[in-house]
């Protein structure tokens, strides 16, 4: 009996496009308007208590400890073992954040594993 490879439906592809663009767009916003923008960085470093400064501190902590890349790689391995739209979405979001926020090596490997997940057979449904 031949198993069909995992292929998202057209609605799932649209979902992945929307979530992927939103994740990468927000990561770009955090990187260029919170982390690298000098006036915001100076204000946050001087103790400005805004949500943007808290987001900046959280993103800085997470990318310094390679959380985005590690999470993307772990989720991509899970997606490779058992492909599903849930793990594909989570891996895409984590890898998008990782690529934009300086975890390029691990996130790049995760994207490669996410692509290889399309060659795996889809899990059986009851």
PDB file of N, CA and C in Angstrom:
ATOM      1  N   UNK A   1       0.830  -1.166   0.000  1.00  0.00           N
ATOM      2  CA  UNK A   1       0.000   0.000   0.000  1.00  0.00           C
ATOM      3  C   UNK A   1       0.885   1.243   0.000  1.00  0.00           C
ATOM      4  N   UNK A   2       0.635   2.149  -0.937  1.00  0.00           N
ATOM      5  CA  UNK A   2       1.446   3.357  -1.081  1.00  0.00           C
ATOM      6  C   UNK A   2       0.858   4.486  -0.239  1.00  0.00           C
ATOM      7  N   UNK A   3       1.716   5.153   0.519  1.00  0.00           N
ATOM      8  CA  UNK A   3       1.280   6.285   1.325  1.00  0.00           C
ATOM      9  C   UNK A   3       1.524   7.571   0.545  1.00  0.00           C
ATOM     10  N   UNK A   4       0.560   8.469   0.600  1.00  0.00           N
ATOM     11  CA  UNK A   4       0.710   9.763  -0.051  1.00  0.00           C
ATOM     12  C   UNK A   4       1.549  10.690   0.817  1.00  0.00           C
ATOM     13  N   UNK A   5       2.374  11.543   0.202  1.00  0.00           N
ATOM     14  CA  UNK A   5       3.158  12.487   1.007  1.00  0.00           C
ATOM     15  C   UNK A   5       2.253  13.555   1.628  1.00  0.00           C
ATOM     16  N   UNK A   6       2.781  14.188   2.664  1.00  0.00           N
ATOM     17  CA  UNK A   6       2.039  15.250   3.347  1.00  0.00           C
ATOM     18  C   UNK A   6       1.951  16.457   2.429  1.00  0.00           C
ATOM     19  N   UNK A   7       0.711  16.871   2.124  1.00  0.00           N
ATOM     20  CA  UNK A   7       0.490  18.063   1.312  1.00  0.00           C
ATOM     21  C   UNK A   7      -0.612  18.893   1.940  1.00  0.00           C
ATOM     22  N   UNK A   8      -0.317  20.147   2.262  1.00  0.00           N
ATOM     23  CA  UNK A   8      -1.365  20.995   2.824  1.00  0.00           C
ATOM     24  C   UNK A   8      -2.419  21.321   1.765  1.00  0.00           C
ATOM     25  N   UNK A   9      -3.644  21.509   2.229  1.00  0.00           N
ATOM     26  CA  UNK A   9      -4.722  21.913   1.338  1.00  0.00           C
ATOM     27  C   UNK A   9      -4.523  23.375   0.949  1.00  0.00           C
ATOM     28  N   UNK A  10      -5.233  23.862  -0.060  1.00  0.00           N
ATOM     29  CA  UNK A  10      -5.095  25.284  -0.422  1.00  0.00           C
ATOM     30  C   UNK A  10      -5.428  26.241   0.729  1.00  0.00           C
ATOM     31  N   UNK A  11      -6.413  25.897   1.556  1.00  0.00           N
ATOM     32  CA  UNK A  11      -6.722  26.751   2.705  1.00  0.00           C
ATOM     33  C   UNK A  11      -5.592  26.746   3.727  1.00  0.00           C
ATOM     34  N   UNK A  12      -4.966  25.616   3.907  1.00  0.00           N
ATOM     35  CA  UNK A  12      -3.832  25.541   4.828  1.00  0.00           C
ATOM     36  C   UNK A  12      -2.639  26.322   4.300  1.00  0.00           C
ATOM     37  N   UNK A  13      -2.442  26.310   2.988  1.00  0.00           N
ATOM     38  CA  UNK A  13      -1.357  27.096   2.390  1.00  0.00           C
ATOM     39  C   UNK A  13      -1.612  28.591   2.602  1.00  0.00           C
ATOM     40  N   UNK A  14      -2.870  29.014   2.440  1.00  0.00           N
ATOM     41  CA  UNK A  14      -3.201  30.415   2.689  1.00  0.00           C
ATOM     42  C   UNK A  14      -2.962  30.773   4.157  1.00  0.00           C
ATOM     43  N   UNK A  15      -3.316  29.878   5.057  1.00  0.00           N
ATOM     44  CA  UNK A  15      -3.070  30.084   6.479  1.00  0.00           C
ATOM     45  C   UNK A  15      -1.567  30.227   6.740  1.00  0.00           C
ATOM     46  N   UNK A  16      -0.772  29.340   6.141  1.00  0.00           N
ATOM     47  CA  UNK A  16       0.677  29.401   6.334  1.00  0.00           C
ATOM     48  C   UNK A  16       1.261  30.702   5.786  1.00  0.00           C
ATOM     49  N   UNK A  17       0.757  31.167   4.662  1.00  0.00           N
ATOM     50  CA  UNK A  17       1.232  32.435   4.105  1.00  0.00           C
ATOM     51  C   UNK A  17       0.918  33.600   5.032  1.00  0.00           C
ATOM     52  N   UNK A  18      -0.309  33.644   5.543  1.00  0.00           N
ATOM     53  CA  UNK A  18      -0.703  34.739   6.436  1.00  0.00           C
ATOM     54  C   UNK A  18       0.134  34.713   7.715  1.00  0.00           C
ATOM     55  N   UNK A  19       0.229  33.544   8.339  1.00  0.00           N
ATOM     56  CA  UNK A  19       0.980  33.434   9.602  1.00  0.00           C
ATOM     57  C   UNK A  19       2.468  33.710   9.364  1.00  0.00           C
ATOM     58  N   UNK A  20       3.016  33.206   8.283  1.00  0.00           N
ATOM     59  CA  UNK A  20       4.430  33.430   7.982  1.00  0.00           C
ATOM     60  C   UNK A  20       4.753  34.896   7.758  1.00  0.00           C
ATOM     61  N   UNK A  21       3.918  35.587   6.958  1.00  0.00           N
ATOM     62  CA  UNK A  21       4.156  37.010   6.730  1.00  0.00           C
ATOM     63  C   UNK A  21       3.979  37.828   8.006  1.00  0.00           C
ATOM     64  N   UNK A  22       2.989  37.486   8.828  1.00  0.00           N
ATOM     65  CA  UNK A  22       2.806  38.209  10.085  1.00  0.00           C
ATOM     66  C   UNK A  22       3.984  37.996  11.030  1.00  0.00           C
ATOM     67  N   UNK A  23       4.480  36.772  11.123  1.00  0.00           N
ATOM     68  CA  UNK A  23       5.603  36.484  12.015  1.00  0.00           C
ATOM     69  C   UNK A  23       6.866  37.210  11.566  1.00  0.00           C
ATOM     70  N   UNK A  24       7.173  37.116  10.294  1.00  0.00           N
ATOM     71  CA  UNK A  24       8.384  37.782   9.788  1.00  0.00           C
ATOM     72  C   UNK A  24       8.221  39.302   9.854  1.00  0.00           C
ATOM     73  N   UNK A  25       7.019  39.798   9.566  1.00  0.00           N
ATOM     74  CA  UNK A  25       6.778  41.239   9.654  1.00  0.00           C
ATOM     75  C   UNK A  25       6.948  41.767  11.063  1.00  0.00           C
ATOM     76  N   UNK A  26       6.413  41.046  12.051  1.00  0.00           N
ATOM     77  CA  UNK A  26       6.580  41.487  13.435  1.00  0.00           C
ATOM     78  C   UNK A  26       8.037  41.384  13.874  1.00  0.00           C
ATOM     79  N   UNK A  27       8.722  40.339  13.439  1.00  0.00           N
ATOM     80  CA  UNK A  27      10.139  40.208  13.777  1.00  0.00           C
ATOM     81  C   UNK A  27      10.948  41.352  13.165  1.00  0.00           C
ATOM     82  N   UNK A  28      10.620  41.738  11.936  1.00  0.00           N
ATOM     83  CA  UNK A  28      11.298  42.885  11.322  1.00  0.00           C
ATOM     84  C   UNK A  28      11.002  44.179  12.079  1.00  0.00           C
ATOM     85  N   UNK A  29       9.752  44.335  12.510  1.00  0.00           N
ATOM     86  CA  UNK A  29       9.387  45.512  13.309  1.00  0.00           C
ATOM     87  C   UNK A  29      10.199  45.568  14.604  1.00  0.00           C
ATOM     88  N   UNK A  30      10.276  44.454  15.302  1.00  0.00           N
ATOM     89  CA  UNK A  30      11.023  44.423  16.561  1.00  0.00           C
ATOM     90  C   UNK A  30      12.503  44.690  16.314  1.00  0.00           C
ATOM     91  N   UNK A  31      13.030  44.104  15.243  1.00  0.00           N
ATOM     92  CA  UNK A  31      14.464  44.279  14.981  1.00  0.00           C
ATOM     93  C   UNK A  31      14.802  45.717  14.605  1.00  0.00           C
ATOM     94  N   UNK A  32      14.059  46.300  13.653  1.00  0.00           N
ATOM     95  CA  UNK A  32      14.454  47.600  13.121  1.00  0.00           C
ATOM     96  C   UNK A  32      13.851  48.792  13.861  1.00  0.00           C
ATOM     97  N   UNK A  33      12.781  48.599  14.618  1.00  0.00           N
ATOM     98  CA  UNK A  33      12.202  49.731  15.336  1.00  0.00           C
ATOM     99  C   UNK A  33      12.369  49.638  16.839  1.00  0.00           C
ATOM    100  N   UNK A  34      12.845  48.531  17.350  1.00  0.00           N
ATOM    101  CA  UNK A  34      13.040  48.418  18.797  1.00  0.00           C
ATOM    102  C   UNK A  34      14.484  48.100  19.159  1.00  0.00           C
ATOM    103  N   UNK A  35      15.104  47.167  18.439  1.00  0.00           N
ATOM    104  CA  UNK A  35      16.455  46.736  18.810  1.00  0.00           C
ATOM    105  C   UNK A  35      17.523  47.636  18.201  1.00  0.00           C
ATOM    106  N   UNK A  36      17.418  47.918  16.905  1.00  0.00           N
ATOM    107  CA  UNK A  36      18.481  48.648  16.220  1.00  0.00           C
ATOM    108  C   UNK A  36      18.235  50.146  16.098  1.00  0.00           C
ATOM    109  N   UNK A  37      17.057  50.614  16.404  1.00  0.00           N
ATOM    110  CA  UNK A  37      16.758  52.047  16.292  1.00  0.00           C
ATOM    111  C   UNK A  37      17.302  52.759  17.525  1.00  0.00           C
ATOM    112  N   UNK A  38      18.268  53.630  17.318  1.00  0.00           N
ATOM    113  CA  UNK A  38      19.022  54.235  18.417  1.00  0.00           C
ATOM    114  C   UNK A  38      18.179  55.002  19.433  1.00  0.00           C
ATOM    115  N   UNK A  39      17.250  55.874  19.016  1.00  0.00           N
ATOM    116  CA  UNK A  39      16.478  56.596  20.048  1.00  0.00           C
ATOM    117  C   UNK A  39      15.670  55.666  20.959  1.00  0.00           C
ATOM    118  N   UNK A  40      15.081  54.632  20.386  1.00  0.00           N
ATOM    119  CA  UNK A  40      14.315  53.681  21.201  1.00  0.00           C
ATOM    120  C   UNK A  40      15.259  52.885  22.092  1.00  0.00           C
ATOM    121  N   UNK A  41      16.379  52.454  21.543  1.00  0.00           N
ATOM    122  CA  UNK A  41      17.336  51.685  22.340  1.00  0.00           C
ATOM    123  C   UNK A  41      17.862  52.502  23.516  1.00  0.00           C
ATOM    124  N   UNK A  42      18.183  53.772  23.298  1.00  0.00           N
ATOM    125  CA  UNK A  42      18.673  54.615  24.387  1.00  0.00           C
ATOM    126  C   UNK A  42      17.592  54.861  25.434  1.00  0.00           C
ATOM    127  N   UNK A  43      16.366  55.086  24.981  1.00  0.00           N
ATOM    128  CA  UNK A  43      15.271  55.313  25.932  1.00  0.00           C
ATOM    129  C   UNK A  43      14.998  54.049  26.752  1.00  0.00           C
ATOM    130  N   UNK A  44      15.024  52.895  26.097  1.00  0.00           N
ATOM    131  CA  UNK A  44      14.773  51.641  26.819  1.00  0.00           C
ATOM    132  C   UNK A  44      15.908  51.320  27.785  1.00  0.00           C
ATOM    133  N   UNK A  45      17.127  51.609  27.366  1.00  0.00           N
ATOM    134  CA  UNK A  45      18.260  51.357  28.254  1.00  0.00           C
ATOM    135  C   UNK A  45      18.253  52.276  29.476  1.00  0.00           C
ATOM    136  N   UNK A  46      17.593  53.439  29.348  1.00  0.00           N
ATOM    137  CA  UNK A  46      17.486  54.357  30.479  1.00  0.00           C
ATOM    138  C   UNK A  46      16.270  54.084  31.343  1.00  0.00           C
ATOM    139  N   UNK A  47      15.526  53.009  31.041  1.00  0.00           N
ATOM    140  CA  UNK A  47      14.452  52.590  31.928  1.00  0.00           C
ATOM    141  C   UNK A  47      13.055  53.011  31.536  1.00  0.00           C
ATOM    142  N   UNK A  48      12.791  53.296  30.288  1.00  0.00           N
ATOM    143  CA  UNK A  48      11.442  53.657  29.856  1.00  0.00           C
ATOM    144  C   UNK A  48      10.517  52.450  29.997  1.00  0.00           C
ATOM    145  N   UNK A  49       9.437  52.552  30.781  1.00  0.00           N
ATOM    146  CA  UNK A  49       8.587  51.377  31.053  1.00  0.00           C
ATOM    147  C   UNK A  49       7.434  51.231  30.049  1.00  0.00           C
ATOM    148  N   UNK A  50       7.757  50.928  28.791  1.00  0.00           N
ATOM    149  CA  UNK A  50       6.713  50.742  27.773  1.00  0.00           C
ATOM    150  C   UNK A  50       6.701  49.287  27.314  1.00  0.00           C
ATOM    151  N   UNK A  51       5.625  48.946  26.627  1.00  0.00           N
ATOM    152  CA  UNK A  51       5.511  47.588  26.097  1.00  0.00           C
ATOM    153  C   UNK A  51       6.591  47.313  25.045  1.00  0.00           C
ATOM    154  N   UNK A  52       6.927  48.335  24.263  1.00  0.00           N
ATOM    155  CA  UNK A  52       7.978  48.164  23.254  1.00  0.00           C
ATOM    156  C   UNK A  52       9.319  47.860  23.910  1.00  0.00           C
ATOM    157  N   UNK A  53       9.617  48.501  25.020  1.00  0.00           N
ATOM    158  CA  UNK A  53      10.878  48.231  25.718  1.00  0.00           C
ATOM    159  C   UNK A  53      10.887  46.838  26.337  1.00  0.00           C
ATOM    160  N   UNK A  54       9.741  46.403  26.845  1.00  0.00           N
ATOM    161  CA  UNK A  54       9.667  45.044  27.391  1.00  0.00           C
ATOM    162  C   UNK A  54       9.789  44.003  26.284  1.00  0.00           C
ATOM    163  N   UNK A  55       9.186  44.280  25.137  1.00  0.00           N
ATOM    164  CA  UNK A  55       9.322  43.392  23.992  1.00  0.00           C
ATOM    165  C   UNK A  55      10.765  43.345  23.520  1.00  0.00           C
ATOM    166  N   UNK A  56      11.411  44.497  23.509  1.00  0.00           N
ATOM    167  CA  UNK A  56      12.829  44.567  23.122  1.00  0.00           C
ATOM    168  C   UNK A  56      13.703  43.761  24.065  1.00  0.00           C
ATOM    169  N   UNK A  57      13.450  43.884  25.361  1.00  0.00           N
ATOM    170  CA  UNK A  57      14.242  43.140  26.345  1.00  0.00           C
ATOM    171  C   UNK A  57      14.014  41.633  26.196  1.00  0.00           C
ATOM    172  N   UNK A  58      12.771  41.226  25.990  1.00  0.00           N
ATOM    173  CA  UNK A  58      12.468  39.807  25.818  1.00  0.00           C
ATOM    174  C   UNK A  58      13.106  39.255  24.545  1.00  0.00           C
ATOM    175  N   UNK A  59      12.964  39.975  23.435  1.00  0.00           N
ATOM    176  CA  UNK A  59      13.547  39.513  22.170  1.00  0.00           C
ATOM    177  C   UNK A  59      15.068  39.434  22.261  1.00  0.00           C
ATOM    178  N   UNK A  60      15.680  40.413  22.912  1.00  0.00           N
ATOM    179  CA  UNK A  60      17.134  40.408  23.068  1.00  0.00           C
ATOM    180  C   UNK A  60      17.586  39.211  23.902  1.00  0.00           C
ATOM    181  N   UNK A  61      16.886  38.949  24.991  1.00  0.00           N
ATOM    182  CA  UNK A  61      17.234  37.798  25.825  1.00  0.00           C
ATOM    183  C   UNK A  61      17.086  36.494  25.045  1.00  0.00           C
ATOM    184  N   UNK A  62      15.986  36.368  24.299  1.00  0.00           N
ATOM    185  CA  UNK A  62      15.737  35.122  23.570  1.00  0.00           C
ATOM    186  C   UNK A  62      16.746  34.888  22.451  1.00  0.00           C
ATOM    187  N   UNK A  63      17.116  35.928  21.698  1.00  0.00           N
ATOM    188  CA  UNK A  63      18.071  35.664  20.625  1.00  0.00           C
ATOM    189  C   UNK A  63      19.495  35.522  21.135  1.00  0.00           C
ATOM    190  N   UNK A  64      19.816  36.101  22.286  1.00  0.00           N
ATOM    191  CA  UNK A  64      21.157  35.887  22.855  1.00  0.00           C
ATOM    192  C   UNK A  64      21.350  34.436  23.289  1.00  0.00           C
ATOM    193  N   UNK A  65      20.267  33.784  23.688  1.00  0.00           N
ATOM    194  CA  UNK A  65      20.340  32.397  24.134  1.00  0.00           C
ATOM    195  C   UNK A  65      19.878  31.414  23.060  1.00  0.00           C
ATOM    196  N   UNK A  66      19.760  31.875  21.816  1.00  0.00           N
ATOM    197  CA  UNK A  66      19.399  31.056  20.646  1.00  0.00           C
ATOM    198  C   UNK A  66      18.094  30.280  20.839  1.00  0.00           C
ATOM    199  N   UNK A  67      17.139  30.892  21.498  1.00  0.00           N
ATOM    200  CA  UNK A  67      15.862  30.215  21.742  1.00  0.00           C
ATOM    201  C   UNK A  67      15.066  30.064  20.460  1.00  0.00           C
ATOM    202  N   UNK A  68      15.073  31.088  19.614  1.00  0.00           N
ATOM    203  CA  UNK A  68      14.310  31.010  18.366  1.00  0.00           C
ATOM    204  C   UNK A  68      14.829  29.888  17.472  1.00  0.00           C
ATOM    205  N   UNK A  69      16.123  29.815  17.288  1.00  0.00           N
ATOM    206  CA  UNK A  69      16.703  28.785  16.440  1.00  0.00           C
ATOM    207  C   UNK A  69      16.535  27.388  17.009  1.00  0.00           C
ATOM    208  N   UNK A  70      16.729  27.244  18.314  1.00  0.00           N
ATOM    209  CA  UNK A  70      16.575  25.933  18.943  1.00  0.00           C
ATOM    210  C   UNK A  70      15.129  25.465  18.882  1.00  0.00           C
ATOM    211  N   UNK A  71      14.196  26.353  19.169  1.00  0.00           N
ATOM    212  CA  UNK A  71      12.777  25.986  19.099  1.00  0.00           C
ATOM    213  C   UNK A  71      12.392  25.617  17.674  1.00  0.00           C
ATOM    214  N   UNK A  72      12.871  26.380  16.709  1.00  0.00           N
ATOM    215  CA  UNK A  72      12.562  26.080  15.314  1.00  0.00           C
ATOM    216  C   UNK A  72      13.110  24.719  14.911  1.00  0.00           C
ATOM    217  N   UNK A  73      14.313  24.392  15.350  1.00  0.00           N
ATOM    218  CA  UNK A  73      14.918  23.109  15.000  1.00  0.00           C
ATOM    219  C   UNK A  73      14.188  21.943  15.669  1.00  0.00           C
ATOM    220  N   UNK A  74      13.809  22.102  16.922  1.00  0.00           N
ATOM    221  CA  UNK A  74      13.077  21.033  17.615  1.00  0.00           C
ATOM    222  C   UNK A  74      11.714  20.807  16.959  1.00  0.00           C
ATOM    223  N   UNK A  75      11.007  21.883  16.653  1.00  0.00           N
ATOM    224  CA  UNK A  75       9.701  21.750  16.012  1.00  0.00           C
ATOM    225  C   UNK A  75       9.846  21.163  14.615  1.00  0.00           C
ATOM    226  N   UNK A  76      10.901  21.537  13.889  1.00  0.00           N
ATOM    227  CA  UNK A  76      11.119  20.991  12.545  1.00  0.00           C
ATOM    228  C   UNK A  76      11.409  19.494  12.595  1.00  0.00           C
ATOM    229  N   UNK A  77      12.149  19.043  13.605  1.00  0.00           N
ATOM    230  CA  UNK A  77      12.390  17.597  13.751  1.00  0.00           C
ATOM    231  C   UNK A  77      11.081  16.876  14.039  1.00  0.00           C
ATOM    232  N   UNK A  78      10.240  17.452  14.911  1.00  0.00           N
ATOM    233  CA  UNK A  78       8.932  16.853  15.176  1.00  0.00           C
ATOM    234  C   UNK A  78       8.077  16.818  13.919  1.00  0.00           C
ATOM    235  N   UNK A  79       8.145  17.876  13.118  1.00  0.00           N
ATOM    236  CA  UNK A  79       7.394  17.908  11.868  1.00  0.00           C
ATOM    237  C   UNK A  79       7.939  16.890  10.876  1.00  0.00           C
ATOM    238  N   UNK A  80       9.231  16.672  10.893  1.00  0.00           N
ATOM    239  CA  UNK A  80       9.820  15.684   9.994  1.00  0.00           C
ATOM    240  C   UNK A  80       9.395  14.268  10.381  1.00  0.00           C
ATOM    241  N   UNK A  81       9.305  14.012  11.682  1.00  0.00           N
ATOM    242  CA  UNK A  81       8.897  12.687  12.153  1.00  0.00           C
ATOM    243  C   UNK A  81       7.428  12.437  11.852  1.00  0.00           C
ATOM    244  N   UNK A  82       6.579  13.409  12.186  1.00  0.00           N
ATOM    245  CA  UNK A  82       5.146  13.260  11.967  1.00  0.00           C
ATOM    246  C   UNK A  82       4.594  14.583  11.435  1.00  0.00           C
ATOM    247  N   UNK A  83       4.530  14.734  10.110  1.00  0.00           N
ATOM    248  CA  UNK A  83       4.103  16.010   9.534  1.00  0.00           C
ATOM    249  C   UNK A  83       2.645  16.350   9.843  1.00  0.00           C
ATOM    250  N   UNK A  84       2.421  17.599  10.217  1.00  0.00           N
ATOM    251  CA  UNK A  84       1.066  18.099  10.420  1.00  0.00           C
ATOM    252  C   UNK A  84       1.081  19.606  10.216  1.00  0.00           C
ATOM    253  N   UNK A  85      -0.094  20.167  10.040  1.00  0.00           N
ATOM    254  CA  UNK A  85      -0.189  21.603   9.821  1.00  0.00           C
ATOM    255  C   UNK A  85       0.165  22.381  11.082  1.00  0.00           C
ATOM    256  N   UNK A  86      -0.077  21.810  12.247  1.00  0.00           N
ATOM    257  CA  UNK A  86       0.222  22.492  13.508  1.00  0.00           C
ATOM    258  C   UNK A  86       1.731  22.653  13.684  1.00  0.00           C
ATOM    259  N   UNK A  87       2.473  21.566  13.512  1.00  0.00           N
ATOM    260  CA  UNK A  87       3.928  21.664  13.672  1.00  0.00           C
ATOM    261  C   UNK A  87       4.549  22.481  12.542  1.00  0.00           C
ATOM    262  N   UNK A  88       3.979  22.398  11.354  1.00  0.00           N
ATOM    263  CA  UNK A  88       4.487  23.202  10.243  1.00  0.00           C
ATOM    264  C   UNK A  88       4.301  24.689  10.525  1.00  0.00           C
ATOM    265  N   UNK A  89       3.144  25.070  11.058  1.00  0.00           N
ATOM    266  CA  UNK A  89       2.887  26.474  11.392  1.00  0.00           C
ATOM    267  C   UNK A  89       3.817  26.956  12.498  1.00  0.00           C
ATOM    268  N   UNK A  90       3.932  26.180  13.565  1.00  0.00           N
ATOM    269  CA  UNK A  90       4.806  26.583  14.675  1.00  0.00           C
ATOM    270  C   UNK A  90       6.267  26.666  14.231  1.00  0.00           C
ATOM    271  N   UNK A  91       6.706  25.713  13.420  1.00  0.00           N
ATOM    272  CA  UNK A  91       8.077  25.745  12.917  1.00  0.00           C
ATOM    273  C   UNK A  91       8.327  26.932  12.007  1.00  0.00           C
ATOM    274  N   UNK A  92       7.339  27.276  11.199  1.00  0.00           N
ATOM    275  CA  UNK A  92       7.474  28.429  10.311  1.00  0.00           C
ATOM    276  C   UNK A  92       7.588  29.726  11.099  1.00  0.00           C
ATOM    277  N   UNK A  93       6.784  29.864  12.141  1.00  0.00           N
ATOM    278  CA  UNK A  93       6.841  31.066  12.976  1.00  0.00           C
ATOM    279  C   UNK A  93       8.189  31.159  13.705  1.00  0.00           C
ATOM    280  N   UNK A  94       8.603  30.072  14.321  1.00  0.00           N
ATOM    281  CA  UNK A  94       9.874  30.091  15.057  1.00  0.00           C
ATOM    282  C   UNK A  94      11.057  30.326  14.119  1.00  0.00           C
ATOM    283  N   UNK A  95      11.037  29.694  12.951  1.00  0.00           N
ATOM    284  CA  UNK A  95      12.137  29.889  12.002  1.00  0.00           C
ATOM    285  C   UNK A  95      12.135  31.303  11.430  1.00  0.00           C
ATOM    286  N   UNK A  96      10.952  31.865  11.197  1.00  0.00           N
ATOM    287  CA  UNK A  96      10.880  33.247  10.718  1.00  0.00           C
ATOM    288  C   UNK A  96      11.461  34.221  11.720  1.00  0.00           C
ATOM    289  N   UNK A  97      11.092  34.056  12.985  1.00  0.00           N
ATOM    290  CA  UNK A  97      11.678  34.903  14.026  1.00  0.00           C
ATOM    291  C   UNK A  97      13.183  34.668  14.123  1.00  0.00           C
ATOM    292  N   UNK A  98      13.611  33.421  14.021  1.00  0.00           N
ATOM    293  CA  UNK A  98      15.035  33.113  14.145  1.00  0.00           C
ATOM    294  C   UNK A  98      15.874  33.696  13.025  1.00  0.00           C
ATOM    295  N   UNK A  99      15.365  33.641  11.806  1.00  0.00           N
ATOM    296  CA  UNK A  99      16.113  34.196  10.663  1.00  0.00           C
ATOM    297  C   UNK A  99      16.269  35.706  10.822  1.00  0.00           C
ATOM    298  N   UNK A 100      15.191  36.386  11.195  1.00  0.00           N
ATOM    299  CA  UNK A 100      15.247  37.844  11.301  1.00  0.00           C
ATOM    300  C   UNK A 100      16.030  38.283  12.538  1.00  0.00           C
ATOM    301  N   UNK A 101      15.915  37.531  13.642  1.00  0.00           N
ATOM    302  CA  UNK A 101      16.535  37.949  14.899  1.00  0.00           C
ATOM    303  C   UNK A 101      17.815  37.175  15.206  1.00  0.00           C
ATOM    304  N   UNK A 102      18.674  37.051  14.231  1.00  0.00           N
ATOM    305  CA  UNK A 102      20.069  36.656  14.413  1.00  0.00           C
ATOM    306  C   UNK A 102      20.342  35.200  14.790  1.00  0.00           C
ATOM    307  N   UNK A 103      19.387  34.292  14.694  1.00  0.00           N
ATOM    308  CA  UNK A 103      19.641  32.864  14.910  1.00  0.00           C
ATOM    309  C   UNK A 103      19.606  32.148  13.572  1.00  0.00           C
ATOM    310  N   UNK A 104      20.466  32.562  12.661  1.00  0.00           N
ATOM    311  CA  UNK A 104      20.373  32.151  11.265  1.00  0.00           C
ATOM    312  C   UNK A 104      20.747  30.687  11.056  1.00  0.00           C
ATOM    313  N   UNK A 105      21.775  30.206  11.704  1.00  0.00           N
ATOM    314  CA  UNK A 105      22.245  28.839  11.473  1.00  0.00           C
ATOM    315  C   UNK A 105      21.219  27.783  11.835  1.00  0.00           C
ATOM    316  N   UNK A 106      20.734  27.835  13.059  1.00  0.00           N
ATOM    317  CA  UNK A 106      19.751  26.847  13.508  1.00  0.00           C
ATOM    318  C   UNK A 106      18.427  27.006  12.775  1.00  0.00           C
ATOM    319  N   UNK A 107      18.014  28.236  12.526  1.00  0.00           N
ATOM    320  CA  UNK A 107      16.748  28.458  11.827  1.00  0.00           C
ATOM    321  C   UNK A 107      16.828  28.028  10.369  1.00  0.00           C
ATOM    322  N   UNK A 108      17.971  28.203   9.751  1.00  0.00           N
ATOM    323  CA  UNK A 108      18.149  27.733   8.377  1.00  0.00           C
ATOM    324  C   UNK A 108      18.069  26.220   8.287  1.00  0.00           C
ATOM    325  N   UNK A 109      18.682  25.542   9.237  1.00  0.00           N
ATOM    326  CA  UNK A 109      18.566  24.078   9.270  1.00  0.00           C
ATOM    327  C   UNK A 109      17.123  23.652   9.520  1.00  0.00           C
ATOM    328  N   UNK A 110      16.408  24.400  10.347  1.00  0.00           N
ATOM    329  CA  UNK A 110      15.004  24.084  10.611  1.00  0.00           C
ATOM    330  C   UNK A 110      14.156  24.255   9.362  1.00  0.00           C
ATOM    331  N   UNK A 111      14.422  25.285   8.593  1.00  0.00           N
ATOM    332  CA  UNK A 111      13.670  25.482   7.357  1.00  0.00           C
ATOM    333  C   UNK A 111      13.939  24.339   6.382  1.00  0.00           C
ATOM    334  N   UNK A 112      15.177  23.889   6.319  1.00  0.00           N
ATOM    335  CA  UNK A 112      15.490  22.735   5.480  1.00  0.00           C
ATOM    336  C   UNK A 112      14.733  21.490   5.910  1.00  0.00           C
ATOM    337  N   UNK A 113      14.651  21.247   7.211  1.00  0.00           N
ATOM    338  CA  UNK A 113      13.888  20.096   7.710  1.00  0.00           C
ATOM    339  C   UNK A 113      12.393  20.257   7.472  1.00  0.00           C
ATOM    340  N   UNK A 114      11.895  21.492   7.560  1.00  0.00           N
ATOM    341  CA  UNK A 114      10.479  21.719   7.272  1.00  0.00           C
ATOM    342  C   UNK A 114      10.161  21.390   5.815  1.00  0.00           C
ATOM    343  N   UNK A 115      11.058  21.732   4.927  1.00  0.00           N
ATOM    344  CA  UNK A 115      10.859  21.407   3.507  1.00  0.00           C
ATOM    345  C   UNK A 115      10.936  19.900   3.296  1.00  0.00           C
ATOM    346  N   UNK A 116      11.869  19.244   3.977  1.00  0.00           N
ATOM    347  CA  UNK A 116      11.967  17.786   3.847  1.00  0.00           C
ATOM    348  C   UNK A 116      10.741  17.074   4.411  1.00  0.00           C
ATOM    349  N   UNK A 117      10.015  17.724   5.302  1.00  0.00           N
ATOM    350  CA  UNK A 117       8.798  17.145   5.855  1.00  0.00           C
ATOM    351  C   UNK A 117       7.731  16.896   4.797  1.00  0.00           C
ATOM    352  N   UNK A 118       7.792  17.610   3.676  1.00  0.00           N
ATOM    353  CA  UNK A 118       6.828  17.391   2.600  1.00  0.00           C
ATOM    354  C   UNK A 118       7.073  16.076   1.873  1.00  0.00           C
ATOM    355  N   UNK A 119       8.250  15.488   2.021  1.00  0.00           N
ATOM    356  CA  UNK A 119       8.551  14.222   1.370  1.00  0.00           C
ATOM    357  C   UNK A 119       8.106  13.025   2.211  1.00  0.00           C
ATOM    358  N   UNK A 120       7.774  13.266   3.472  1.00  0.00           N
ATOM    359  CA  UNK A 120       7.354  12.200   4.369  1.00  0.00           C
ATOM    360  C   UNK A 120       5.893  11.850   4.109  1.00  0.00           C
ATOM    361  N   UNK A 121       5.513  10.603   4.367  1.00  0.00           N
ATOM    362  CA  UNK A 121       4.098  10.267   4.220  1.00  0.00           C
ATOM    363  C   UNK A 121       3.248  10.924   5.307  1.00  0.00           C
ATOM    364  N   UNK A 122       2.029  11.236   4.938  1.00  0.00           N
ATOM    365  CA  UNK A 122       1.102  11.842   5.891  1.00  0.00           C
ATOM    366  C   UNK A 122       0.695  10.817   6.936  1.00  0.00           C
ATOM    367  N   UNK A 123       0.439  11.236   8.181  1.00  0.00           N
ATOM    368  CA  UNK A 123       0.009  10.282   9.211  1.00  0.00           C
ATOM    369  C   UNK A 123      -1.377   9.733   8.863  1.00  0.00           C
ATOM    370  N   UNK A 124      -1.611   8.498   9.281  1.00  0.00           N
ATOM    371  CA  UNK A 124      -2.915   7.900   9.022  1.00  0.00           C
ATOM    372  C   UNK A 124      -3.960   8.548   9.901  1.00  0.00           C
ATOM    373  N   UNK A 125      -5.140   8.702   9.320  1.00  0.00           N
ATOM    374  CA  UNK A 125      -6.256   9.237  10.098  1.00  0.00           C
ATOM    375  C   UNK A 125      -7.227   8.097  10.377  1.00  0.00           C
ATOM    376  N   UNK A 126      -7.899   8.199  11.501  1.00  0.00           N
ATOM    377  CA  UNK A 126      -8.817   7.124  11.902  1.00  0.00           C
ATOM    378  C   UNK A 126     -10.099   7.169  11.111  1.00  0.00           C
TER     379      UNK A 126
END
